[in-house]
Protein backbone atom coordinates (compact mmCIF):
# COMPACT_ATOMS: atom_id res chain seq x y z
CA MET A 1 -38.75 -175.73 65.42
CA ALA A 2 -36.67 -175.67 62.24
CA ARG A 3 -36.92 -178.55 59.73
CA THR A 4 -34.41 -180.31 59.03
CA ARG A 5 -32.25 -180.60 55.94
CA ALA A 6 -32.45 -184.23 54.50
CA ILE A 7 -29.60 -186.09 54.27
CA ASP A 8 -29.82 -186.75 50.38
CA PHE A 9 -30.67 -182.41 50.07
CA GLU A 10 -27.56 -181.81 47.93
CA GLU A 11 -27.90 -184.68 46.28
CA LYS A 12 -32.06 -184.22 45.32
CA GLN A 13 -31.12 -180.31 44.64
CA ARG A 14 -28.45 -181.29 41.88
CA ALA A 15 -30.51 -183.32 39.96
CA ILE A 16 -33.15 -181.06 40.11
CA LEU A 17 -30.55 -178.41 38.59
CA THR A 18 -29.48 -180.90 35.92
CA SER A 19 -33.25 -181.47 35.08
CA ALA A 20 -33.93 -177.87 34.83
CA ALA A 21 -30.75 -177.02 32.92
CA ALA A 22 -32.41 -179.45 30.01
CA VAL A 23 -35.58 -177.94 29.99
CA PHE A 24 -34.30 -174.39 29.32
CA ALA A 25 -31.43 -175.43 27.05
CA GLU A 26 -34.21 -176.96 24.92
CA GLN A 27 -37.25 -174.58 25.58
CA GLY A 28 -35.38 -171.10 26.29
CA MET A 29 -35.53 -169.24 29.63
CA ASP A 30 -39.11 -167.79 28.48
CA LYS A 31 -41.01 -170.59 27.35
CA ALA A 32 -40.07 -173.11 30.15
CA SER A 33 -42.50 -173.69 33.03
CA MET A 34 -41.76 -174.70 36.32
CA SER A 35 -44.06 -177.45 35.34
CA GLN A 36 -41.94 -179.15 32.82
CA VAL A 37 -39.22 -178.71 35.30
CA ALA A 38 -40.70 -180.85 37.36
CA GLN A 39 -41.86 -183.75 35.40
CA GLN A 40 -38.31 -183.79 33.65
CA ALA A 41 -37.05 -183.95 37.10
CA ASN A 42 -39.79 -186.62 38.14
CA VAL A 43 -40.78 -184.44 41.28
CA SER A 44 -43.87 -182.93 42.14
CA LYS A 45 -44.33 -179.20 41.54
CA ALA A 46 -44.59 -178.71 45.27
CA LEU A 47 -41.06 -180.33 46.17
CA LEU A 48 -39.57 -178.11 43.45
CA TYR A 49 -40.47 -175.04 45.11
CA HIS A 50 -39.63 -176.24 48.15
CA TYR A 51 -35.89 -175.81 46.86
CA TYR A 52 -36.30 -173.19 43.79
CA PRO A 53 -39.07 -170.84 44.88
CA SER A 54 -38.97 -169.17 41.59
CA LYS A 55 -37.68 -169.93 37.71
CA ASP A 56 -35.22 -166.81 38.56
CA ALA A 57 -34.06 -168.75 41.66
CA LEU A 58 -33.27 -172.00 39.39
CA ILE A 59 -31.66 -170.12 36.44
CA PHE A 60 -29.07 -168.76 39.23
CA GLY A 61 -28.94 -172.03 40.78
CA ILE A 62 -27.57 -173.84 37.30
CA ILE A 63 -25.42 -171.07 36.52
CA HIS A 64 -23.92 -170.57 40.06
CA SER A 65 -23.16 -174.48 40.24
CA HIS A 66 -21.96 -174.94 37.04
CA LEU A 67 -19.59 -171.94 37.55
CA ALA A 68 -18.48 -172.97 41.23
CA ASP A 69 -17.67 -176.45 39.82
CA LEU A 70 -15.53 -175.11 36.86
CA ASP A 71 -13.91 -172.97 39.12
CA ALA A 72 -12.85 -175.86 41.92
CA ALA A 73 -11.55 -177.36 38.99
CA VAL A 74 -9.39 -174.80 37.65
CA GLU A 75 -8.30 -173.79 41.10
CA ALA A 76 -6.99 -177.80 41.51
CA ALA A 77 -5.64 -177.84 37.97
CA ASP A 78 -4.02 -174.50 38.77
CA ASP A 79 -0.06 -175.46 39.50
CA GLU A 80 1.81 -171.96 39.99
CA ALA A 81 5.36 -173.49 40.44
CA ALA A 82 5.09 -175.32 37.00
CA GLU A 83 6.36 -173.91 33.80
CA PRO A 84 3.60 -171.43 32.28
CA LYS A 85 3.08 -173.07 28.72
CA ALA A 86 2.82 -176.02 30.82
CA ARG A 87 0.33 -174.39 33.41
CA LEU A 88 -1.77 -172.88 30.45
CA ARG A 89 -2.51 -176.31 29.00
CA LYS A 90 -3.67 -177.80 32.34
CA LEU A 91 -6.05 -174.56 32.79
CA ILE A 92 -7.33 -174.99 29.18
CA TRP A 93 -7.56 -178.74 30.11
CA ALA A 94 -9.43 -178.48 33.31
CA VAL A 95 -12.18 -175.81 31.45
CA LEU A 96 -12.36 -178.32 28.49
CA ASP A 97 -12.85 -181.67 30.77
CA ASN A 98 -15.44 -179.44 32.65
CA TYR A 99 -17.47 -178.90 29.96
CA ARG A 100 -17.92 -182.66 29.45
CA GLY A 101 -21.40 -183.25 30.05
CA ALA A 102 -22.65 -179.64 31.02
CA ASP A 103 -23.88 -178.17 27.30
CA ASP A 104 -27.37 -177.83 28.66
CA GLN A 105 -25.96 -175.99 32.03
CA HIS A 106 -23.44 -173.95 29.94
CA LYS A 107 -26.27 -172.72 27.30
CA VAL A 108 -28.23 -171.59 30.25
CA GLN A 109 -25.35 -169.67 31.64
CA LEU A 110 -24.90 -168.02 28.27
CA ASN A 111 -28.10 -166.93 27.49
CA GLY A 112 -29.99 -167.08 31.18
CA THR A 113 -27.69 -164.76 33.27
CA SER A 114 -30.09 -161.64 32.24
CA ALA A 115 -32.64 -163.23 34.30
CA LEU A 116 -30.76 -162.51 37.29
CA ASN A 117 -31.12 -160.03 39.79
CA ASP A 118 -28.00 -157.44 40.64
CA VAL A 119 -26.96 -159.37 43.63
CA GLN A 120 -26.92 -162.57 41.74
CA LYS A 121 -25.54 -161.14 38.89
CA SER A 122 -22.60 -159.74 41.36
CA GLU A 123 -21.94 -163.33 42.66
CA ILE A 124 -21.74 -165.00 39.10
CA ARG A 125 -19.13 -161.91 38.31
CA ALA A 126 -17.27 -162.87 41.12
CA ILE A 127 -16.78 -166.57 40.13
CA GLU A 128 -15.91 -165.63 36.35
CA LYS A 129 -13.27 -163.34 37.57
CA ARG A 130 -11.28 -165.70 39.53
CA ILE A 131 -11.27 -168.13 36.90
CA VAL A 132 -10.12 -165.51 34.00
CA GLY A 133 -7.87 -164.02 36.78
CA ARG A 134 -6.22 -167.37 36.76
CA PHE A 135 -5.40 -167.71 32.62
CA SER A 136 -4.83 -163.93 32.78
CA ALA A 137 -2.17 -164.60 35.51
CA VAL A 138 -0.26 -167.38 33.32
CA LEU A 139 -0.62 -165.19 29.85
CA ARG A 140 1.04 -162.29 31.43
CA ASP A 141 3.99 -164.57 32.80
CA ILE A 142 4.03 -165.92 29.38
CA ASN A 143 4.08 -162.28 27.38
CA PRO A 144 4.60 -159.62 30.04
CA GLN A 145 4.20 -156.97 26.86
CA LEU A 146 0.14 -158.01 27.09
CA ASP A 147 -0.24 -156.31 29.89
CA SER A 148 1.55 -152.63 28.89
CA LYS A 149 -0.39 -149.64 29.45
CA LYS A 150 0.43 -148.21 26.29
CA ARG A 151 -1.64 -151.16 24.54
CA PRO A 152 -3.20 -153.34 27.26
CA LEU A 153 -3.90 -156.78 25.32
CA LEU A 154 -4.00 -159.15 27.93
CA MET A 155 -7.71 -158.66 28.50
CA PRO A 156 -8.71 -159.44 25.08
CA VAL A 157 -5.97 -161.95 24.86
CA THR A 158 -7.83 -163.81 27.76
CA MET A 159 -10.86 -163.39 26.66
CA SER A 160 -10.28 -164.35 22.70
CA LEU A 161 -9.07 -167.97 24.52
CA PHE A 162 -12.32 -168.07 26.45
CA GLY A 163 -14.37 -167.13 23.09
CA MET A 164 -12.56 -170.43 21.55
CA LEU A 165 -13.09 -172.95 25.16
CA ASN A 166 -16.84 -171.25 25.81
CA TRP A 167 -18.08 -172.02 21.89
CA VAL A 168 -16.83 -175.57 21.84
CA TYR A 169 -20.00 -177.28 22.89
CA LEU A 170 -21.61 -175.80 19.68
CA TRP A 171 -19.54 -178.11 17.23
CA PHE A 172 -17.49 -180.90 19.32
CA ARG A 173 -18.70 -184.23 19.55
CA ASP A 174 -17.22 -186.47 22.29
CA GLY A 175 -16.31 -189.95 20.25
CA GLY A 176 -15.02 -187.99 17.35
CA ALA A 177 -11.94 -188.06 15.30
CA ILE A 178 -10.45 -184.93 17.61
CA THR A 179 -10.49 -185.81 21.32
CA ARG A 180 -11.09 -182.93 23.87
CA GLU A 181 -7.51 -183.57 25.16
CA ASP A 182 -6.42 -182.99 21.16
CA TYR A 183 -8.62 -179.74 21.29
CA ALA A 184 -6.82 -178.77 24.34
CA ASP A 185 -3.52 -178.75 22.93
CA VAL A 186 -4.73 -176.86 19.52
CA ALA A 187 -6.22 -174.39 21.78
CA THR A 188 -3.13 -174.00 23.85
CA THR A 189 -0.88 -173.76 20.40
CA LEU A 190 -3.17 -171.10 18.43
CA ILE A 191 -2.70 -169.13 22.02
CA LEU A 192 1.09 -169.33 22.88
CA GLU A 193 1.92 -168.87 19.16
CA GLY A 194 -0.90 -166.00 18.59
CA ILE A 195 0.49 -164.16 21.24
CA LYS A 196 4.18 -164.34 20.25
CA ALA A 197 2.90 -161.95 17.36
CA VAL A 198 0.51 -159.50 18.95
CA LYS A 199 1.60 -156.36 20.03
């Protein structure tokens, strides 16, 4: 008879992923051990292996859940009826707000993807493609010339925006003189003003 799933399965799973992300972010993917993760999560190794049979499975779980949360936040914030500039600002804010408290998960995403197998990488890329696609669509609406076949700049501009957002964890600190909302305005302005001059 199949074992039934505990009522708090997803809650425990999420707690393990959070603990594992902290260990991986501090120790690195190679040095971190399942024993360290179990200790950080305050669970037995047997329980940890019940949820995640390997370190690679943990890394995939961290990256997948982090990106799935981001994808859902961006989708919820995307108002196709909004004026394109306001729509872009909402999308940028959704990313920055979703990154709040997720520095460890973000570090694992940036540094741990190489540990994944091809199927896992494909699944991660599909989520990333959806997220990036929403931003590209808005930037295309703001400046259609970016999508020129002769000089295709839409993807470079889109990825430049993600370059700003994805590395914010290295320098930004909540409680400082600049808030996340302030930086959302700064990033939006930099892109909106910058793409006027891109040719």
